Structures are given as C-alpha cells and as structure tokens.
N, C-alpha and C. Protein backbone atom coordinates (compact mmCIF):
# COMPACT_ATOMS: atom_id res chain seq x y z
N MET A 1 -32.07 -11.30 28.86
CA MET A 1 -32.09 -11.44 27.40
C MET A 1 -31.33 -12.70 27.00
N GLN A 2 -31.93 -13.44 26.11
CA GLN A 2 -31.33 -14.70 25.65
C GLN A 2 -30.20 -14.42 24.68
N ASN A 3 -29.10 -15.15 24.82
CA ASN A 3 -27.99 -15.02 23.88
C ASN A 3 -28.34 -15.79 22.62
N ASN A 4 -28.47 -15.07 21.51
CA ASN A 4 -28.91 -15.73 20.28
C ASN A 4 -27.79 -15.95 19.27
N VAL A 5 -26.52 -15.65 19.66
CA VAL A 5 -25.39 -15.84 18.77
C VAL A 5 -24.28 -16.56 19.52
N ARG A 6 -23.76 -17.63 18.91
CA ARG A 6 -22.58 -18.34 19.45
C ARG A 6 -21.47 -18.26 18.41
N VAL A 7 -20.40 -17.55 18.73
CA VAL A 7 -19.27 -17.43 17.80
C VAL A 7 -18.48 -18.73 17.85
N ILE A 8 -18.26 -19.33 16.69
CA ILE A 8 -17.54 -20.59 16.57
C ILE A 8 -16.07 -20.34 16.24
N GLU A 9 -15.83 -19.45 15.26
CA GLU A 9 -14.45 -19.19 14.83
C GLU A 9 -14.35 -17.82 14.17
N GLU A 10 -13.24 -17.11 14.43
CA GLU A 10 -12.95 -15.85 13.76
C GLU A 10 -11.58 -15.95 13.11
N LYS A 11 -11.49 -15.45 11.87
CA LYS A 11 -10.21 -15.42 11.15
C LYS A 11 -9.99 -14.00 10.64
N VAL A 12 -8.82 -13.46 10.90
CA VAL A 12 -8.46 -12.15 10.37
C VAL A 12 -8.01 -12.33 8.92
N LEU A 13 -8.67 -11.62 8.01
CA LEU A 13 -8.33 -11.67 6.60
C LEU A 13 -7.35 -10.56 6.23
N SER A 14 -7.48 -9.42 6.90
CA SER A 14 -6.59 -8.29 6.65
C SER A 14 -6.61 -7.37 7.86
N ASN A 15 -5.45 -6.88 8.21
CA ASN A 15 -5.33 -5.88 9.26
C ASN A 15 -4.38 -4.79 8.76
N ASN A 16 -4.55 -4.46 7.48
CA ASN A 16 -3.67 -3.51 6.81
C ASN A 16 -4.11 -2.08 7.09
N TRP A 17 -5.27 -1.70 6.59
CA TRP A 17 -5.79 -0.35 6.80
C TRP A 17 -6.75 -0.36 7.97
N TYR A 18 -7.73 -1.27 7.94
CA TYR A 18 -8.65 -1.53 9.04
C TYR A 18 -8.78 -3.04 9.15
N LEU A 19 -9.63 -3.52 10.03
CA LEU A 19 -9.72 -4.94 10.32
C LEU A 19 -10.83 -5.60 9.50
N LEU A 20 -10.44 -6.56 8.67
CA LEU A 20 -11.39 -7.37 7.90
C LEU A 20 -11.26 -8.79 8.40
N LYS A 21 -12.39 -9.36 8.82
CA LYS A 21 -12.34 -10.74 9.31
C LYS A 21 -13.57 -11.51 8.86
N THR A 22 -13.44 -12.82 8.90
CA THR A 22 -14.58 -13.70 8.62
C THR A 22 -14.90 -14.43 9.92
N THR A 23 -16.17 -14.54 10.22
CA THR A 23 -16.62 -15.16 11.46
C THR A 23 -17.63 -16.25 11.13
N THR A 24 -17.43 -17.41 11.73
CA THR A 24 -18.40 -18.49 11.67
C THR A 24 -19.15 -18.48 13.00
N PHE A 25 -20.46 -18.52 12.94
CA PHE A 25 -21.27 -18.43 14.17
C PHE A 25 -22.56 -19.22 13.99
N ASP A 26 -23.16 -19.55 15.11
CA ASP A 26 -24.49 -20.16 15.12
C ASP A 26 -25.48 -19.09 15.55
N LEU A 27 -26.60 -18.98 14.83
CA LEU A 27 -27.63 -17.99 15.10
C LEU A 27 -28.92 -18.70 15.48
N LEU A 28 -29.49 -18.29 16.60
CA LEU A 28 -30.77 -18.85 17.04
C LEU A 28 -31.88 -18.17 16.24
N ARG A 29 -32.59 -18.98 15.46
CA ARG A 29 -33.66 -18.45 14.61
C ARG A 29 -34.94 -18.28 15.42
N ARG A 30 -35.90 -17.58 14.85
CA ARG A 30 -37.17 -17.32 15.55
C ARG A 30 -37.93 -18.61 15.86
N ASP A 31 -37.72 -19.67 15.07
CA ASP A 31 -38.43 -20.94 15.32
C ASP A 31 -37.74 -21.80 16.37
N GLY A 32 -36.66 -21.29 16.97
CA GLY A 32 -35.98 -22.00 18.05
C GLY A 32 -34.84 -22.89 17.60
N THR A 33 -34.57 -22.96 16.31
CA THR A 33 -33.47 -23.79 15.81
C THR A 33 -32.22 -22.93 15.64
N TRP A 34 -31.08 -23.60 15.72
CA TRP A 34 -29.79 -22.93 15.51
C TRP A 34 -29.35 -23.15 14.08
N GLN A 35 -28.81 -22.12 13.45
CA GLN A 35 -28.32 -22.22 12.08
C GLN A 35 -26.89 -21.69 12.02
N ARG A 36 -26.00 -22.46 11.42
CA ARG A 36 -24.61 -22.05 11.24
C ARG A 36 -24.53 -21.09 10.06
N GLN A 37 -23.84 -19.95 10.26
CA GLN A 37 -23.66 -18.96 9.22
C GLN A 37 -22.21 -18.47 9.25
N GLN A 38 -21.82 -17.81 8.17
CA GLN A 38 -20.48 -17.23 8.09
C GLN A 38 -20.61 -15.86 7.42
N ARG A 39 -19.96 -14.85 8.01
CA ARG A 39 -20.01 -13.50 7.47
C ARG A 39 -18.64 -12.85 7.56
N GLU A 40 -18.37 -11.95 6.61
CA GLU A 40 -17.19 -11.10 6.68
C GLU A 40 -17.63 -9.76 7.23
N THR A 41 -16.81 -9.19 8.11
CA THR A 41 -17.08 -7.86 8.64
C THR A 41 -15.85 -6.99 8.47
N TYR A 42 -16.11 -5.74 8.17
CA TYR A 42 -15.05 -4.75 8.00
C TYR A 42 -15.20 -3.77 9.16
N ASP A 43 -14.21 -3.75 10.05
CA ASP A 43 -14.26 -2.89 11.23
C ASP A 43 -13.29 -1.73 11.05
N ARG A 44 -13.84 -0.56 10.79
CA ARG A 44 -13.03 0.64 10.63
C ARG A 44 -13.25 1.62 11.76
N GLY A 45 -14.00 1.19 12.78
CA GLY A 45 -14.32 2.07 13.89
C GLY A 45 -15.58 2.87 13.60
N ASN A 46 -16.01 3.63 14.58
CA ASN A 46 -17.20 4.46 14.43
C ASN A 46 -16.80 5.84 13.95
N GLY A 47 -17.77 6.59 13.43
CA GLY A 47 -17.48 7.90 12.88
C GLY A 47 -18.53 8.92 13.23
N ALA A 48 -18.29 10.14 12.78
CA ALA A 48 -19.22 11.24 13.00
C ALA A 48 -19.26 12.10 11.74
N THR A 49 -20.39 12.74 11.51
CA THR A 49 -20.57 13.62 10.36
C THR A 49 -21.37 14.84 10.79
N ILE A 50 -21.19 15.95 10.08
CA ILE A 50 -21.89 17.18 10.45
C ILE A 50 -22.30 17.97 9.21
N LEU A 51 -23.47 18.58 9.31
CA LEU A 51 -23.90 19.55 8.32
C LEU A 51 -23.76 20.93 8.95
N LEU A 52 -22.86 21.72 8.40
CA LEU A 52 -22.68 23.10 8.84
C LEU A 52 -23.68 23.96 8.08
N TYR A 53 -24.36 24.88 8.79
CA TYR A 53 -25.37 25.72 8.16
C TYR A 53 -25.27 27.14 8.69
N ASN A 54 -25.72 28.09 7.87
CA ASN A 54 -25.70 29.50 8.24
C ASN A 54 -27.07 30.08 7.91
N ARG A 55 -27.86 30.36 8.93
CA ARG A 55 -29.22 30.88 8.71
C ARG A 55 -29.20 32.25 8.03
N ALA A 56 -28.29 33.12 8.47
CA ALA A 56 -28.25 34.49 7.92
C ALA A 56 -27.97 34.47 6.42
N LYS A 57 -27.05 33.63 5.98
CA LYS A 57 -26.69 33.56 4.57
C LYS A 57 -27.53 32.54 3.80
N GLN A 58 -28.28 31.68 4.55
CA GLN A 58 -29.07 30.61 3.93
C GLN A 58 -28.19 29.64 3.15
N THR A 59 -27.06 29.26 3.77
CA THR A 59 -26.10 28.38 3.10
C THR A 59 -25.72 27.21 4.00
N ILE A 60 -25.11 26.23 3.37
CA ILE A 60 -24.54 25.08 4.06
C ILE A 60 -23.11 24.89 3.54
N ILE A 61 -22.34 24.13 4.29
CA ILE A 61 -20.98 23.80 3.87
C ILE A 61 -20.90 22.31 3.59
N LEU A 62 -20.43 21.97 2.41
CA LEU A 62 -20.14 20.58 2.05
C LEU A 62 -18.69 20.53 1.57
N THR A 63 -18.20 19.34 1.33
CA THR A 63 -16.83 19.16 0.84
C THR A 63 -16.86 18.32 -0.43
N ARG A 64 -15.77 18.42 -1.19
CA ARG A 64 -15.60 17.55 -2.36
C ARG A 64 -14.19 16.98 -2.27
N GLN A 65 -14.12 15.64 -2.39
CA GLN A 65 -12.81 14.99 -2.33
C GLN A 65 -12.84 13.68 -3.09
N PHE A 66 -11.64 13.19 -3.40
CA PHE A 66 -11.50 11.92 -4.10
C PHE A 66 -11.76 10.77 -3.14
N ARG A 67 -12.60 9.83 -3.58
CA ARG A 67 -12.89 8.61 -2.81
C ARG A 67 -12.65 7.42 -3.73
N PHE A 68 -11.58 6.67 -3.47
CA PHE A 68 -11.20 5.57 -4.35
C PHE A 68 -12.32 4.54 -4.54
N PRO A 69 -13.05 4.12 -3.48
CA PRO A 69 -14.12 3.15 -3.72
C PRO A 69 -15.18 3.63 -4.71
N THR A 70 -15.46 4.93 -4.76
CA THR A 70 -16.43 5.41 -5.75
C THR A 70 -15.84 5.35 -7.15
N PHE A 71 -14.54 5.58 -7.24
CA PHE A 71 -13.85 5.50 -8.54
C PHE A 71 -13.95 4.09 -9.11
N VAL A 72 -13.68 3.07 -8.28
CA VAL A 72 -13.71 1.70 -8.78
C VAL A 72 -15.14 1.19 -8.98
N ASN A 73 -16.13 1.94 -8.48
CA ASN A 73 -17.52 1.52 -8.64
C ASN A 73 -18.29 2.47 -9.56
N GLY A 74 -17.61 3.04 -10.56
CA GLY A 74 -18.32 3.73 -11.62
C GLY A 74 -18.23 5.24 -11.67
N SER A 75 -17.71 5.90 -10.64
CA SER A 75 -17.56 7.35 -10.71
C SER A 75 -16.36 7.67 -11.60
N PRO A 76 -16.57 8.41 -12.69
CA PRO A 76 -15.47 8.64 -13.64
C PRO A 76 -14.22 9.27 -13.01
N ASP A 77 -14.39 10.21 -12.08
CA ASP A 77 -13.23 10.86 -11.48
C ASP A 77 -13.06 10.54 -9.99
N GLY A 78 -14.00 9.81 -9.41
CA GLY A 78 -13.90 9.43 -8.00
C GLY A 78 -14.18 10.55 -7.03
N MET A 79 -14.60 11.70 -7.53
CA MET A 79 -14.88 12.84 -6.65
C MET A 79 -16.27 12.70 -6.05
N LEU A 80 -16.36 12.98 -4.74
CA LEU A 80 -17.62 12.84 -4.02
C LEU A 80 -17.91 14.11 -3.24
N VAL A 81 -19.12 14.64 -3.40
CA VAL A 81 -19.57 15.79 -2.60
C VAL A 81 -20.24 15.21 -1.37
N GLU A 82 -19.79 15.69 -0.20
CA GLU A 82 -20.30 15.10 1.03
C GLU A 82 -20.21 16.06 2.20
N ALA A 83 -20.92 15.71 3.25
CA ALA A 83 -20.82 16.44 4.52
C ALA A 83 -19.49 16.07 5.17
N CYS A 84 -18.96 17.00 5.91
CA CYS A 84 -17.72 16.77 6.65
C CYS A 84 -17.90 15.56 7.57
N ALA A 85 -16.87 14.70 7.65
CA ALA A 85 -16.98 13.50 8.47
C ALA A 85 -15.60 12.98 8.83
N GLY A 86 -15.55 12.10 9.81
CA GLY A 86 -14.30 11.48 10.19
C GLY A 86 -14.51 10.36 11.19
N LEU A 87 -13.46 9.58 11.37
CA LEU A 87 -13.50 8.48 12.33
C LEU A 87 -13.24 9.01 13.73
N LEU A 88 -13.88 8.37 14.71
CA LEU A 88 -13.74 8.81 16.10
C LEU A 88 -12.33 8.62 16.63
N ASP A 89 -11.64 7.60 16.15
CA ASP A 89 -10.34 7.23 16.71
C ASP A 89 -10.53 7.03 18.21
N GLN A 90 -9.86 7.77 19.05
CA GLN A 90 -10.01 7.62 20.51
C GLN A 90 -10.93 8.68 21.11
N ASP A 91 -11.53 9.54 20.27
CA ASP A 91 -12.35 10.64 20.76
C ASP A 91 -13.81 10.25 20.90
N ASP A 92 -14.54 11.05 21.67
CA ASP A 92 -15.99 10.94 21.70
C ASP A 92 -16.53 11.61 20.43
N PRO A 93 -17.78 11.36 20.05
CA PRO A 93 -18.30 11.91 18.80
C PRO A 93 -18.25 13.43 18.70
N VAL A 94 -18.54 14.15 19.78
CA VAL A 94 -18.53 15.62 19.73
C VAL A 94 -17.12 16.15 19.49
N THR A 95 -16.15 15.64 20.22
CA THR A 95 -14.76 16.07 20.03
C THR A 95 -14.30 15.76 18.62
N CYS A 96 -14.64 14.57 18.13
CA CYS A 96 -14.27 14.16 16.77
C CYS A 96 -14.82 15.11 15.73
N ILE A 97 -16.12 15.41 15.81
CA ILE A 97 -16.72 16.17 14.72
C ILE A 97 -16.29 17.63 14.76
N ARG A 98 -16.01 18.16 15.92
CA ARG A 98 -15.49 19.53 16.00
C ARG A 98 -14.09 19.59 15.38
N ARG A 99 -13.26 18.57 15.66
CA ARG A 99 -11.91 18.49 15.08
C ARG A 99 -11.99 18.35 13.56
N GLU A 100 -12.82 17.43 13.10
CA GLU A 100 -12.93 17.18 11.66
C GLU A 100 -13.47 18.41 10.92
N ALA A 101 -14.44 19.10 11.50
CA ALA A 101 -14.98 20.30 10.86
C ALA A 101 -13.88 21.33 10.65
N GLU A 102 -13.05 21.51 11.66
CA GLU A 102 -11.97 22.50 11.52
C GLU A 102 -10.92 22.04 10.52
N GLU A 103 -10.53 20.76 10.57
CA GLU A 103 -9.52 20.24 9.64
C GLU A 103 -9.99 20.31 8.20
N GLU A 104 -11.23 19.89 7.96
CA GLU A 104 -11.73 19.77 6.59
C GLU A 104 -12.25 21.08 6.01
N THR A 105 -12.99 21.85 6.83
CA THR A 105 -13.65 23.04 6.30
C THR A 105 -12.98 24.35 6.71
N GLY A 106 -12.18 24.32 7.77
CA GLY A 106 -11.56 25.53 8.26
C GLY A 106 -12.40 26.29 9.27
N TYR A 107 -13.61 25.79 9.55
CA TYR A 107 -14.50 26.46 10.51
C TYR A 107 -14.37 25.81 11.88
N GLN A 108 -14.18 26.65 12.90
CA GLN A 108 -14.12 26.17 14.28
C GLN A 108 -15.53 26.31 14.86
N ILE A 109 -16.18 25.18 15.05
CA ILE A 109 -17.58 25.17 15.49
C ILE A 109 -17.62 24.71 16.95
N ASN A 110 -18.12 25.57 17.81
CA ASN A 110 -18.19 25.23 19.23
C ASN A 110 -19.49 24.57 19.60
N ASP A 111 -20.59 24.99 18.99
CA ASP A 111 -21.90 24.48 19.36
C ASP A 111 -22.39 23.49 18.30
N VAL A 112 -22.27 22.21 18.59
CA VAL A 112 -22.77 21.18 17.69
C VAL A 112 -23.90 20.44 18.38
N ARG A 113 -24.84 19.94 17.58
CA ARG A 113 -26.00 19.24 18.14
C ARG A 113 -26.17 17.89 17.45
N LYS A 114 -26.17 16.83 18.24
CA LYS A 114 -26.40 15.49 17.69
C LYS A 114 -27.88 15.36 17.34
N VAL A 115 -28.13 14.85 16.12
CA VAL A 115 -29.52 14.70 15.68
C VAL A 115 -29.96 13.24 15.59
N PHE A 116 -29.05 12.33 15.33
CA PHE A 116 -29.34 10.90 15.35
C PHE A 116 -28.06 10.12 15.12
N GLU A 117 -28.16 8.80 15.15
CA GLU A 117 -27.04 7.93 14.79
C GLU A 117 -27.59 6.76 13.99
N ALA A 118 -26.73 6.18 13.15
CA ALA A 118 -27.20 5.12 12.26
C ALA A 118 -26.04 4.22 11.83
N TYR A 119 -26.37 2.96 11.57
CA TYR A 119 -25.44 2.05 10.90
C TYR A 119 -25.60 2.30 9.41
N MET A 120 -24.49 2.53 8.71
CA MET A 120 -24.59 2.94 7.31
C MET A 120 -24.58 1.77 6.32
N SER A 121 -23.94 0.68 6.66
CA SER A 121 -23.89 -0.48 5.77
C SER A 121 -23.81 -1.74 6.63
N PRO A 122 -24.89 -2.05 7.38
CA PRO A 122 -24.83 -3.08 8.41
C PRO A 122 -24.68 -4.51 7.90
N GLY A 123 -24.75 -4.71 6.61
CA GLY A 123 -24.56 -6.06 6.07
C GLY A 123 -23.11 -6.51 6.14
N SER A 124 -22.18 -5.56 6.23
CA SER A 124 -20.77 -5.97 6.25
C SER A 124 -19.85 -5.02 7.01
N VAL A 125 -20.28 -3.79 7.27
CA VAL A 125 -19.42 -2.80 7.93
C VAL A 125 -19.95 -2.55 9.33
N THR A 126 -19.06 -2.55 10.32
CA THR A 126 -19.48 -2.41 11.72
C THR A 126 -19.75 -0.96 12.12
N GLU A 127 -19.33 0.01 11.33
CA GLU A 127 -19.37 1.42 11.70
C GLU A 127 -20.77 1.93 12.08
N ARG A 128 -20.81 2.63 13.22
CA ARG A 128 -21.97 3.41 13.62
C ARG A 128 -21.59 4.87 13.41
N LEU A 129 -22.46 5.63 12.74
CA LEU A 129 -22.16 7.01 12.41
C LEU A 129 -23.05 7.93 13.25
N TYR A 130 -22.42 8.92 13.89
CA TYR A 130 -23.13 9.91 14.70
C TYR A 130 -23.32 11.16 13.84
N PHE A 131 -24.57 11.61 13.71
CA PHE A 131 -24.94 12.72 12.84
C PHE A 131 -25.14 13.99 13.67
N PHE A 132 -24.51 15.09 13.22
CA PHE A 132 -24.59 16.37 13.91
C PHE A 132 -24.96 17.47 12.94
N VAL A 133 -25.46 18.57 13.49
CA VAL A 133 -25.62 19.82 12.77
C VAL A 133 -24.95 20.90 13.62
N GLY A 134 -24.47 21.94 12.97
CA GLY A 134 -23.84 23.03 13.69
C GLY A 134 -23.88 24.29 12.86
N GLU A 135 -24.22 25.39 13.51
CA GLU A 135 -24.31 26.67 12.80
C GLU A 135 -22.94 27.32 12.73
N TYR A 136 -22.61 27.86 11.57
CA TYR A 136 -21.33 28.54 11.38
C TYR A 136 -21.56 29.98 10.99
N ALA A 137 -20.55 30.80 11.25
CA ALA A 137 -20.54 32.20 10.82
C ALA A 137 -19.20 32.45 10.15
N ASP A 138 -19.14 33.48 9.32
CA ASP A 138 -17.88 33.80 8.66
C ASP A 138 -16.75 34.00 9.67
N SER A 139 -17.09 34.52 10.85
CA SER A 139 -16.08 34.78 11.88
C SER A 139 -15.52 33.49 12.50
N ASP A 140 -16.18 32.35 12.24
CA ASP A 140 -15.69 31.06 12.75
C ASP A 140 -14.59 30.47 11.88
N LYS A 141 -14.32 31.09 10.74
CA LYS A 141 -13.30 30.57 9.81
C LYS A 141 -11.91 30.87 10.38
N VAL A 142 -11.15 29.79 10.67
CA VAL A 142 -9.82 29.94 11.26
C VAL A 142 -8.71 29.48 10.32
N SER A 143 -9.09 28.81 9.22
CA SER A 143 -8.11 28.36 8.23
C SER A 143 -8.84 28.08 6.92
N GLU A 144 -8.09 27.68 5.92
CA GLU A 144 -8.70 27.34 4.62
C GLU A 144 -9.28 25.93 4.62
N GLY A 145 -8.99 25.14 5.66
CA GLY A 145 -9.46 23.75 5.67
C GLY A 145 -8.69 22.92 4.66
N GLY A 146 -9.33 21.93 4.10
CA GLY A 146 -8.70 21.11 3.08
C GLY A 146 -8.16 19.79 3.57
N GLY A 147 -8.20 19.56 4.89
CA GLY A 147 -7.71 18.28 5.42
C GLY A 147 -6.21 18.28 5.60
N HIS A 148 -5.70 17.09 5.93
CA HIS A 148 -4.27 16.92 6.18
C HIS A 148 -3.58 16.30 4.97
N HIS A 149 -2.59 16.99 4.44
CA HIS A 149 -1.83 16.50 3.28
C HIS A 149 -1.20 15.15 3.58
N HIS A 150 -0.62 14.97 4.78
CA HIS A 150 0.06 13.71 5.12
C HIS A 150 -0.90 12.53 5.22
N GLU A 151 -2.20 12.79 5.31
CA GLU A 151 -3.21 11.72 5.32
C GLU A 151 -3.79 11.51 3.92
N GLY A 152 -3.23 12.21 2.93
CA GLY A 152 -3.71 12.06 1.56
C GLY A 152 -4.96 12.86 1.26
N GLU A 153 -5.34 13.77 2.17
CA GLU A 153 -6.55 14.55 1.97
C GLU A 153 -6.27 15.77 1.09
N ASP A 154 -7.19 16.04 0.18
CA ASP A 154 -7.14 17.20 -0.70
C ASP A 154 -8.60 17.63 -0.88
N ILE A 155 -9.12 18.33 0.13
CA ILE A 155 -10.55 18.58 0.25
C ILE A 155 -10.90 19.99 -0.19
N GLU A 156 -11.87 20.08 -1.09
CA GLU A 156 -12.40 21.37 -1.53
C GLU A 156 -13.62 21.70 -0.68
N VAL A 157 -13.69 22.92 -0.18
CA VAL A 157 -14.81 23.37 0.64
C VAL A 157 -15.83 24.06 -0.25
N LEU A 158 -17.10 23.65 -0.14
CA LEU A 158 -18.17 24.19 -0.95
C LEU A 158 -19.21 24.87 -0.07
N GLU A 159 -19.63 26.06 -0.44
CA GLU A 159 -20.71 26.75 0.27
C GLU A 159 -21.84 26.94 -0.72
N LEU A 160 -23.02 26.41 -0.40
CA LEU A 160 -24.14 26.48 -1.33
C LEU A 160 -25.45 26.51 -0.55
N GLY A 161 -26.51 26.83 -1.25
CA GLY A 161 -27.83 26.85 -0.65
C GLY A 161 -28.38 25.44 -0.47
N LEU A 162 -29.26 25.27 0.51
CA LEU A 162 -29.85 23.96 0.78
C LEU A 162 -30.64 23.44 -0.42
N ASP A 163 -31.45 24.29 -1.02
CA ASP A 163 -32.24 23.85 -2.17
C ASP A 163 -31.35 23.47 -3.35
N GLU A 164 -30.25 24.19 -3.52
CA GLU A 164 -29.29 23.84 -4.57
C GLU A 164 -28.69 22.45 -4.30
N ALA A 165 -28.36 22.20 -3.04
CA ALA A 165 -27.81 20.88 -2.68
C ALA A 165 -28.84 19.78 -2.91
N LEU A 166 -30.09 20.03 -2.53
CA LEU A 166 -31.14 19.03 -2.74
C LEU A 166 -31.39 18.79 -4.23
N ALA A 167 -31.26 19.82 -5.05
CA ALA A 167 -31.38 19.66 -6.51
C ALA A 167 -30.24 18.79 -7.02
N GLN A 168 -29.05 18.91 -6.42
CA GLN A 168 -27.92 18.07 -6.81
C GLN A 168 -28.15 16.62 -6.41
N VAL A 169 -28.86 16.41 -5.29
CA VAL A 169 -29.23 15.04 -4.91
C VAL A 169 -30.14 14.46 -5.99
N ALA A 170 -31.16 15.23 -6.38
CA ALA A 170 -32.11 14.77 -7.40
C ALA A 170 -31.43 14.51 -8.74
N ALA A 171 -30.40 15.29 -9.05
CA ALA A 171 -29.67 15.14 -10.31
C ALA A 171 -28.61 14.04 -10.25
N GLY A 172 -28.34 13.52 -9.05
CA GLY A 172 -27.33 12.48 -8.90
C GLY A 172 -25.92 13.01 -8.70
N THR A 173 -25.76 14.32 -8.60
CA THR A 173 -24.44 14.91 -8.36
C THR A 173 -23.99 14.65 -6.93
N ILE A 174 -24.91 14.78 -5.99
CA ILE A 174 -24.66 14.41 -4.59
C ILE A 174 -25.28 13.04 -4.39
N CYS A 175 -24.42 12.03 -4.13
CA CYS A 175 -24.92 10.66 -4.01
C CYS A 175 -24.33 9.94 -2.80
N ASP A 176 -23.91 10.70 -1.82
CA ASP A 176 -23.36 10.14 -0.59
C ASP A 176 -24.49 10.01 0.44
N GLY A 177 -24.65 8.81 1.00
CA GLY A 177 -25.77 8.52 1.90
C GLY A 177 -25.85 9.43 3.11
N LYS A 178 -24.75 9.61 3.81
CA LYS A 178 -24.78 10.43 5.03
C LYS A 178 -25.16 11.86 4.71
N THR A 179 -24.69 12.36 3.57
CA THR A 179 -24.97 13.73 3.17
C THR A 179 -26.44 13.90 2.82
N ILE A 180 -26.98 12.95 2.08
CA ILE A 180 -28.39 12.99 1.72
C ILE A 180 -29.26 12.98 2.98
N MET A 181 -28.89 12.14 3.95
CA MET A 181 -29.66 12.08 5.19
C MET A 181 -29.63 13.41 5.93
N LEU A 182 -28.47 14.05 6.00
CA LEU A 182 -28.37 15.34 6.68
C LEU A 182 -29.11 16.45 5.93
N LEU A 183 -29.04 16.45 4.61
CA LEU A 183 -29.76 17.45 3.82
C LEU A 183 -31.27 17.29 4.00
N GLN A 184 -31.74 16.05 3.99
CA GLN A 184 -33.17 15.82 4.20
C GLN A 184 -33.59 16.22 5.62
N TYR A 185 -32.73 15.93 6.60
CA TYR A 185 -33.01 16.36 7.97
C TYR A 185 -33.15 17.88 8.01
N ALA A 186 -32.21 18.58 7.38
CA ALA A 186 -32.24 20.05 7.38
C ALA A 186 -33.52 20.58 6.77
N LYS A 187 -33.96 19.99 5.67
CA LYS A 187 -35.19 20.44 5.00
C LYS A 187 -36.42 20.11 5.85
N LEU A 188 -36.50 18.89 6.34
CA LEU A 188 -37.67 18.46 7.11
C LEU A 188 -37.84 19.23 8.41
N HIS A 189 -36.72 19.64 9.01
CA HIS A 189 -36.76 20.31 10.31
C HIS A 189 -36.59 21.82 10.22
N GLY A 190 -36.61 22.35 8.99
CA GLY A 190 -36.52 23.79 8.81
C GLY A 190 -35.28 24.41 9.41
N LEU A 191 -34.14 23.73 9.24
CA LEU A 191 -32.90 24.16 9.86
C LEU A 191 -32.48 25.57 9.44
N LEU A 192 -32.79 25.94 8.21
CA LEU A 192 -32.40 27.26 7.72
C LEU A 192 -33.51 28.29 7.84
N ALA A 193 -34.64 27.90 8.44
CA ALA A 193 -35.73 28.86 8.61
C ALA A 193 -35.31 29.95 9.61
N SER A 194 -35.66 31.17 9.28
CA SER A 194 -35.27 32.30 10.14
C SER A 194 -36.10 32.35 11.41
C-alpha cells in the first residue's frame, strides 16, 4: 500500500482534558499530486456504547445527563438522553462497556454483543466508537447507577419502550447520534421481538 500522507509538523494546542493538536501534512491526491493541508484533531481516545434491552418487559434502558457542549450549542438545560457509554481508557471494548453499564445504569450485564463500530465525527475527532447490545433482567440490578460523583456524573436512569424512544427521536427529544443509531439497529433487527 502506498503511503499517501506525509506529516510535516505537529503542534499541541491543549493537553488539559484530552489532546488537541494541529498537524500540517502533505496528502497525495487521486491525480498524483501532493497538496499541503492543515487540520486540528481532538484525541479523547476510543469509546464504547450499549443499548440495554429486556424482551420480557419490552423495554430499553437509556440515561439522561448534563452535557456541557450541548448546552453551549443551543440546548436550554444541556440535558441529553443517550445510551450508556464511556471511554475505553486502558480496557478492551467489552470490559469497558460492562463497567460503564454497571456504573451508569446499575445493571451488571455479563452477555454483551458487539454489533458494529463507527467514527462519530471524523472531520476533527479521532474517536472510534464500539457499539454493543445486551439483554438485562431486573435481577441484574446491583445498584442505583448514576455514575461517579467524583467524575462529575449525575446520571438519571430511564426505562422506556423502544417505540416510545423512537417517537422521542422523531420529536427531537432524543438527539444523540450514537443513541439514534442503536435504537434504529434495535428496530431494524427486531431486538425486542419475542
């Protein structure tokens, strides 16, 4: 495979919360010419997300929490309804999502299934997100969830029907990309079908 990118210079703009840098590079175009470009990238690591579902009850678990970027971009209260998710840190995706599900929702899920992976904002963010589904039962509840207070998390756990959640997508109440993708996956693949 031909190397089509030559990195010329990288500058760190911020290493406060995650890594933000600007990179100057030459890109080999389809016509065979090289073009100099410059891009900023935000590297926060990779993540995982899961849709918890219960066939017997015909329900799913979502969360609601404050997200500052949504607040500064037009959400009046900054609250976002979304599927449970978290950064991998040093874990593999399965270990991460099982940990996050328990921390955020209070459900200890042993059997999770990866359904796909995707770059969520490839124009500027390096994150690759691993998407999972996992069935829960009332007996899997080991805590109230809610996240970690010391990490600034204050997560509300929501249990609702899939069609209700999809209606909230249509109404604009649920507007988180990863959540919409998982809800559509659940509907298209009959995840709650008996």
